Amino acid sequence: MAASLHLARSQVHVGWSRGFEPVATVASGSEITVETQDASGGQLVPGSTAASVAALDFTRVNPVNGPVFVEGARPGDVLQVDVL
């Protein structure tokens, strides 16, 4: 197996764009550990109320980790991802 990689919860974007630069490059077969954020981007915590939901900053919702570039992958390729 190739080397492992850790993506921190701070390595996110709040949208999808092919223009985003990869936060990392990995070889095929690499194992990646990803710290994810909840859909609120960390704005809702235990004890949050309906007022907390009303006060959400929607520019921070639905964070997405990455992107990660897989060496040798080309547009149109299918990548197998196993969630461990």
Protein backbone atom coordinates (compact mmCIF):
# COMPACT_ATOMS: atom_id res chain seq x y z
CA MET A 1 0.00 0.00 0.00
CA ALA A 2 1.15 3.54 -0.73
CA ALA A 3 1.82 6.06 2.03
CA SER A 4 -1.04 7.41 4.12
CA LEU A 5 -2.29 10.99 4.16
CA HIS A 6 -4.24 12.99 6.73
CA LEU A 7 -6.61 15.78 5.67
CA ALA A 8 -7.49 18.20 8.48
CA ARG A 9 -10.97 19.62 8.94
CA SER A 10 -9.55 22.99 7.87
CA GLN A 11 -8.76 21.68 4.35
CA VAL A 12 -12.21 22.34 2.95
CA HIS A 13 -14.12 24.29 0.35
CA VAL A 14 -17.78 25.22 0.47
CA GLY A 15 -18.68 24.29 -3.07
CA TRP A 16 -17.60 22.19 -6.01
CA SER A 17 -15.32 23.53 -8.72
CA ARG A 18 -12.80 21.94 -11.02
CA GLY A 19 -10.84 25.16 -10.51
CA PHE A 20 -9.96 24.32 -6.89
CA GLU A 21 -6.30 23.38 -6.54
CA PRO A 22 -5.66 19.97 -4.94
CA VAL A 23 -4.75 20.10 -1.25
CA ALA A 24 -2.68 16.94 -1.73
CA THR A 25 -1.42 14.49 -4.34
CA VAL A 26 -1.49 10.75 -3.68
CA ALA A 27 -0.54 7.56 -5.49
CA SER A 28 -3.21 5.05 -6.38
CA GLY A 29 -3.80 2.78 -3.39
CA SER A 30 -3.04 5.43 -0.79
CA GLU A 31 -4.98 5.51 2.44
CA ILE A 32 -6.41 8.90 3.41
CA THR A 33 -7.72 9.84 6.84
CA VAL A 34 -10.20 12.70 6.61
CA GLU A 35 -11.43 14.90 9.46
CA THR A 36 -14.88 16.02 8.37
CA GLN A 37 -17.08 18.83 9.55
CA ASP A 38 -20.82 18.62 9.98
CA ALA A 39 -23.04 20.22 7.35
CA SER A 40 -23.23 23.46 9.35
CA GLY A 41 -19.47 23.89 9.10
CA GLY A 42 -19.14 23.60 12.86
CA GLN A 43 -21.69 26.31 13.61
CA LEU A 44 -24.16 24.02 15.39
CA VAL A 45 -23.00 22.36 18.59
CA PRO A 46 -24.65 20.53 21.46
CA GLY A 47 -26.99 23.02 23.06
CA SER A 48 -27.73 24.89 19.82
CA THR A 49 -31.28 26.16 19.53
CA ALA A 50 -33.70 27.10 16.78
CA ALA A 51 -32.22 30.60 17.04
CA SER A 52 -28.79 29.10 16.27
CA VAL A 53 -30.18 27.60 13.08
CA ALA A 54 -31.73 30.93 12.11
CA ALA A 55 -28.36 32.64 12.65
CA LEU A 56 -26.36 30.25 10.43
CA ASP A 57 -23.82 31.80 8.07
CA PHE A 58 -24.82 30.00 4.87
CA THR A 59 -21.47 30.79 3.24
CA ARG A 60 -20.02 28.15 5.61
CA VAL A 61 -22.50 25.29 5.15
CA ASN A 62 -21.81 21.96 3.43
CA PRO A 63 -17.99 21.98 3.63
CA VAL A 64 -16.20 19.53 1.32
CA ASN A 65 -12.70 18.16 2.04
CA GLY A 66 -10.07 18.25 -0.68
CA PRO A 67 -9.76 18.01 -3.54
CA VAL A 68 -7.14 15.27 -3.71
CA PHE A 69 -5.23 14.59 -6.93
CA VAL A 70 -4.63 10.90 -7.68
CA GLU A 71 -1.43 10.38 -9.67
CA GLY A 72 -2.13 8.87 -13.07
CA ALA A 73 -5.87 9.58 -12.99
CA ARG A 74 -7.24 11.30 -16.07
CA PRO A 75 -10.58 12.96 -16.86
CA GLY A 76 -13.18 10.28 -17.49
CA ASP A 77 -11.44 7.65 -15.34
CA VAL A 78 -13.42 5.80 -12.70
CA LEU A 79 -11.80 5.75 -9.25
CA GLN A 80 -12.57 3.09 -6.68
CA VAL A 81 -12.87 4.49 -3.16
CA ASP A 82 -13.21 2.16 -0.19
CA VAL A 83 -14.55 3.67 3.05
CA LEU A 84 -12.81 1.90 5.92
